[in-house]
Amino acid sequence: MHEESDDQSHTCISGHGYLKVIVRLRNHIPLLAYHIQYLHTVNIFYKTLL
């Protein structure tokens, strides 16, 4: 039970750090989010063609 709560706490901190990185990237490099969305859309379109 102790290990489970410890692991859950670690996951929460890791997820929060990941979110902060995403926000920081989007603040400093707005085009990055646009390029990722563009590539994702192209990928879906390509799969639809196949």
PDB file of N, CA and C in Angstrom:
ATOM      1  N   MET A   1       0.843  -1.204   0.000  1.00  0.00           N
ATOM      2  CA  MET A   1       0.000   0.000   0.000  1.00  0.00           C
ATOM      3  C   MET A   1       0.879   1.255   0.000  1.00  0.00           C
ATOM      4  N   HIS A   2       1.993   1.171   0.739  1.00  0.00           N
ATOM      5  CA  HIS A   2       2.919   2.310   0.784  1.00  0.00           C
ATOM      6  C   HIS A   2       3.575   2.509  -0.583  1.00  0.00           C
ATOM      7  N   GLU A   3       3.968   1.419  -1.214  1.00  0.00           N
ATOM      8  CA  GLU A   3       4.626   1.506  -2.524  1.00  0.00           C
ATOM      9  C   GLU A   3       3.681   2.099  -3.571  1.00  0.00           C
ATOM     10  N   GLU A   4       2.401   1.714  -3.495  1.00  0.00           N
ATOM     11  CA  GLU A   4       1.418   2.182  -4.470  1.00  0.00           C
ATOM     12  C   GLU A   4       1.248   3.700  -4.391  1.00  0.00           C
ATOM     13  N   SER A   5       1.105   4.217  -3.154  1.00  0.00           N
ATOM     14  CA  SER A   5       0.922   5.661  -2.988  1.00  0.00           C
ATOM     15  C   SER A   5       2.190   6.403  -3.408  1.00  0.00           C
ATOM     16  N   ASP A   6       3.364   5.823  -3.119  1.00  0.00           N
ATOM     17  CA  ASP A   6       4.636   6.441  -3.491  1.00  0.00           C
ATOM     18  C   ASP A   6       4.740   6.534  -5.014  1.00  0.00           C
ATOM     19  N   ASP A   7       4.380   5.452  -5.690  1.00  0.00           N
ATOM     20  CA  ASP A   7       4.442   5.427  -7.153  1.00  0.00           C
ATOM     21  C   ASP A   7       3.467   6.426  -7.758  1.00  0.00           C
ATOM     22  N   GLN A   8       2.296   6.539  -7.154  1.00  0.00           N
ATOM     23  CA  GLN A   8       1.272   7.459  -7.643  1.00  0.00           C
ATOM     24  C   GLN A   8       1.762   8.903  -7.494  1.00  0.00           C
ATOM     25  N   SER A   9       2.428   9.187  -6.376  1.00  0.00           N
ATOM     26  CA  SER A   9       2.945  10.527  -6.120  1.00  0.00           C
ATOM     27  C   SER A   9       4.012  10.875  -7.158  1.00  0.00           C
ATOM     28  N   HIS A  10       4.881   9.921  -7.444  1.00  0.00           N
ATOM     29  CA  HIS A  10       5.948  10.132  -8.422  1.00  0.00           C
ATOM     30  C   HIS A  10       5.358  10.414  -9.808  1.00  0.00           C
ATOM     31  N   THR A  11       4.303   9.672 -10.160  1.00  0.00           N
ATOM     32  CA  THR A  11       3.660   9.853 -11.463  1.00  0.00           C
ATOM     33  C   THR A  11       3.037  11.248 -11.559  1.00  0.00           C
ATOM     34  N   CYS A  12       2.453  11.717 -10.459  1.00  0.00           N
ATOM     35  CA  CYS A  12       1.810  13.027 -10.434  1.00  0.00           C
ATOM     36  C   CYS A  12       2.851  14.122 -10.656  1.00  0.00           C
ATOM     37  N   ILE A  13       4.005  14.008  -9.974  1.00  0.00           N
ATOM     38  CA  ILE A  13       5.075  15.000 -10.106  1.00  0.00           C
ATOM     39  C   ILE A  13       5.629  14.965 -11.528  1.00  0.00           C
ATOM     40  N   SER A  14       5.812  13.769 -12.062  1.00  0.00           N
ATOM     41  CA  SER A  14       6.345  13.619 -13.415  1.00  0.00           C
ATOM     42  C   SER A  14       5.396  14.235 -14.430  1.00  0.00           C
ATOM     43  N   GLY A  15       4.107  13.978 -14.257  1.00  0.00           N
ATOM     44  CA  GLY A  15       3.109  14.519 -15.176  1.00  0.00           C
ATOM     45  C   GLY A  15       3.071  16.037 -15.103  1.00  0.00           C
ATOM     46  N   HIS A  16       3.210  16.573 -13.901  1.00  0.00           N
ATOM     47  CA  HIS A  16       3.189  18.025 -13.716  1.00  0.00           C
ATOM     48  C   HIS A  16       4.406  18.648 -14.395  1.00  0.00           C
ATOM     49  N   GLY A  17       5.576  18.006 -14.246  1.00  0.00           N
ATOM     50  CA  GLY A  17       6.797  18.506 -14.881  1.00  0.00           C
ATOM     51  C   GLY A  17       6.667  18.472 -16.393  1.00  0.00           C
ATOM     52  N   TYR A  18       6.052  17.407 -16.906  1.00  0.00           N
ATOM     53  CA  TYR A  18       5.842  17.261 -18.349  1.00  0.00           C
ATOM     54  C   TYR A  18       4.945  18.387 -18.854  1.00  0.00           C
ATOM     55  N   LEU A  19       3.896  18.704 -18.081  1.00  0.00           N
ATOM     56  CA  LEU A  19       2.965  19.752 -18.466  1.00  0.00           C
ATOM     57  C   LEU A  19       3.668  21.107 -18.496  1.00  0.00           C
ATOM     58  N   LYS A  20       4.550  21.346 -17.512  1.00  0.00           N
ATOM     59  CA  LYS A  20       5.287  22.609 -17.460  1.00  0.00           C
ATOM     60  C   LYS A  20       6.202  22.749 -18.671  1.00  0.00           C
ATOM     61  N   VAL A  21       6.805  21.641 -19.093  1.00  0.00           N
ATOM     62  CA  VAL A  21       7.676  21.671 -20.269  1.00  0.00           C
ATOM     63  C   VAL A  21       6.870  22.027 -21.512  1.00  0.00           C
ATOM     64  N   ILE A  22       5.690  21.426 -21.645  1.00  0.00           N
ATOM     65  CA  ILE A  22       4.823  21.692 -22.802  1.00  0.00           C
ATOM     66  C   ILE A  22       4.425  23.168 -22.832  1.00  0.00           C
ATOM     67  N   VAL A  23       4.012  23.698 -21.681  1.00  0.00           N
ATOM     68  CA  VAL A  23       3.608  25.109 -21.607  1.00  0.00           C
ATOM     69  C   VAL A  23       4.780  26.011 -21.951  1.00  0.00           C
ATOM     70  N   ARG A  24       5.962  25.666 -21.439  1.00  0.00           N
ATOM     71  CA  ARG A  24       7.153  26.478 -21.703  1.00  0.00           C
ATOM     72  C   ARG A  24       7.488  26.469 -23.187  1.00  0.00           C
ATOM     73  N   LEU A  25       7.397  25.289 -23.802  1.00  0.00           N
ATOM     74  CA  LEU A  25       7.687  25.186 -25.236  1.00  0.00           C
ATOM     75  C   LEU A  25       6.684  25.992 -26.051  1.00  0.00           C
ATOM     76  N   ARG A  26       5.432  25.916 -25.667  1.00  0.00           N
ATOM     77  CA  ARG A  26       4.389  26.632 -26.412  1.00  0.00           C
ATOM     78  C   ARG A  26       4.534  28.135 -26.237  1.00  0.00           C
ATOM     79  N   ASN A  27       5.042  28.563 -25.070  1.00  0.00           N
ATOM     80  CA  ASN A  27       5.226  30.000 -24.842  1.00  0.00           C
ATOM     81  C   ASN A  27       6.406  30.539 -25.642  1.00  0.00           C
ATOM     82  N   HIS A  28       7.501  29.767 -25.684  1.00  0.00           N
ATOM     83  CA  HIS A  28       8.709  30.240 -26.359  1.00  0.00           C
ATOM     84  C   HIS A  28       8.729  29.898 -27.842  1.00  0.00           C
ATOM     85  N   ILE A  29       8.100  28.783 -28.205  1.00  0.00           N
ATOM     86  CA  ILE A  29       8.106  28.369 -29.618  1.00  0.00           C
ATOM     87  C   ILE A  29       6.680  28.062 -30.071  1.00  0.00           C
ATOM     88  N   PRO A  30       5.875  29.087 -30.339  1.00  0.00           N
ATOM     89  CA  PRO A  30       4.472  28.875 -30.733  1.00  0.00           C
ATOM     90  C   PRO A  30       4.329  28.031 -31.990  1.00  0.00           C
ATOM     91  N   LEU A  31       5.290  28.123 -32.911  1.00  0.00           N
ATOM     92  CA  LEU A  31       5.193  27.375 -34.159  1.00  0.00           C
ATOM     93  C   LEU A  31       5.337  25.877 -33.936  1.00  0.00           C
ATOM     94  N   LEU A  32       5.973  25.484 -32.839  1.00  0.00           N
ATOM     95  CA  LEU A  32       6.185  24.056 -32.571  1.00  0.00           C
ATOM     96  C   LEU A  32       4.851  23.325 -32.483  1.00  0.00           C
ATOM     97  N   ALA A  33       3.908  23.906 -31.740  1.00  0.00           N
ATOM     98  CA  ALA A  33       2.588  23.291 -31.604  1.00  0.00           C
ATOM     99  C   ALA A  33       1.892  23.214 -32.961  1.00  0.00           C
ATOM    100  N   TYR A  34       2.071  24.255 -33.778  1.00  0.00           N
ATOM    101  CA  TYR A  34       1.442  24.276 -35.098  1.00  0.00           C
ATOM    102  C   TYR A  34       2.016  23.174 -35.984  1.00  0.00           C
ATOM    103  N   HIS A  35       3.349  23.003 -35.947  1.00  0.00           N
ATOM    104  CA  HIS A  35       3.987  21.982 -36.770  1.00  0.00           C
ATOM    105  C   HIS A  35       3.561  20.578 -36.345  1.00  0.00           C
ATOM    106  N   ILE A  36       3.457  20.359 -35.033  1.00  0.00           N
ATOM    107  CA  ILE A  36       3.025  19.048 -34.536  1.00  0.00           C
ATOM    108  C   ILE A  36       1.599  18.758 -34.992  1.00  0.00           C
ATOM    109  N   GLN A  37       0.733  19.768 -34.920  1.00  0.00           N
ATOM    110  CA  GLN A  37      -0.655  19.596 -35.342  1.00  0.00           C
ATOM    111  C   GLN A  37      -0.716  19.335 -36.849  1.00  0.00           C
ATOM    112  N   TYR A  38       0.134  20.044 -37.603  1.00  0.00           N
ATOM    113  CA  TYR A  38       0.177  19.880 -39.052  1.00  0.00           C
ATOM    114  C   TYR A  38       0.627  18.468 -39.421  1.00  0.00           C
ATOM    115  N   LEU A  39       1.700  18.003 -38.774  1.00  0.00           N
ATOM    116  CA  LEU A  39       2.197  16.658 -39.056  1.00  0.00           C
ATOM    117  C   LEU A  39       1.164  15.608 -38.684  1.00  0.00           C
ATOM    118  N   HIS A  40       0.454  15.822 -37.579  1.00  0.00           N
ATOM    119  CA  HIS A  40      -0.572  14.884 -37.133  1.00  0.00           C
ATOM    120  C   HIS A  40      -1.707  14.815 -38.156  1.00  0.00           C
ATOM    121  N   THR A  41      -2.097  15.960 -38.685  1.00  0.00           N
ATOM    122  CA  THR A  41      -3.171  16.014 -39.683  1.00  0.00           C
ATOM    123  C   THR A  41      -2.744  15.320 -40.967  1.00  0.00           C
ATOM    124  N   VAL A  42      -1.511  15.570 -41.398  1.00  0.00           N
ATOM    125  CA  VAL A  42      -0.988  14.934 -42.609  1.00  0.00           C
ATOM    126  C   VAL A  42      -0.934  13.415 -42.425  1.00  0.00           C
ATOM    127  N   ASN A  43      -0.532  12.983 -41.228  1.00  0.00           N
ATOM    128  CA  ASN A  43      -0.438  11.558 -40.929  1.00  0.00           C
ATOM    129  C   ASN A  43      -1.808  10.893 -41.036  1.00  0.00           C
ATOM    130  N   ILE A  44      -2.836  11.540 -40.495  1.00  0.00           N
ATOM    131  CA  ILE A  44      -4.204  11.006 -40.569  1.00  0.00           C
ATOM    132  C   ILE A  44      -4.671  10.962 -42.024  1.00  0.00           C
ATOM    133  N   PHE A  45      -4.388  12.033 -42.771  1.00  0.00           N
ATOM    134  CA  PHE A  45      -4.798  12.104 -44.171  1.00  0.00           C
ATOM    135  C   PHE A  45      -4.113  10.999 -44.981  1.00  0.00           C
ATOM    136  N   TYR A  46      -2.821  10.770 -44.690  1.00  0.00           N
ATOM    137  CA  TYR A  46      -2.059   9.740 -45.385  1.00  0.00           C
ATOM    138  C   TYR A  46      -2.631   8.357 -45.098  1.00  0.00           C
ATOM    139  N   LYS A  47      -2.971   8.104 -43.833  1.00  0.00           N
ATOM    140  CA  LYS A  47      -3.549   6.811 -43.454  1.00  0.00           C
ATOM    141  C   LYS A  47      -4.908   6.619 -44.120  1.00  0.00           C
ATOM    142  N   THR A  48      -5.657   7.717 -44.278  1.00  0.00           N
ATOM    143  CA  THR A  48      -6.976   7.639 -44.915  1.00  0.00           C
ATOM    144  C   THR A  48      -6.827   7.250 -46.385  1.00  0.00           C
ATOM    145  N   LEU A  49      -5.791   7.776 -47.034  1.00  0.00           N
ATOM    146  CA  LEU A  49      -5.554   7.446 -48.437  1.00  0.00           C
ATOM    147  C   LEU A  49      -5.210   5.967 -48.591  1.00  0.00           C
ATOM    148  N   LEU A  50      -4.441   5.447 -47.633  1.00  0.00           N
ATOM    149  CA  LEU A  50      -4.071   4.034 -47.705  1.00  0.00           C
ATOM    150  C   LEU A  50      -5.265   3.169 -47.325  1.00  0.00           C
TER     151      LEU A  50
END
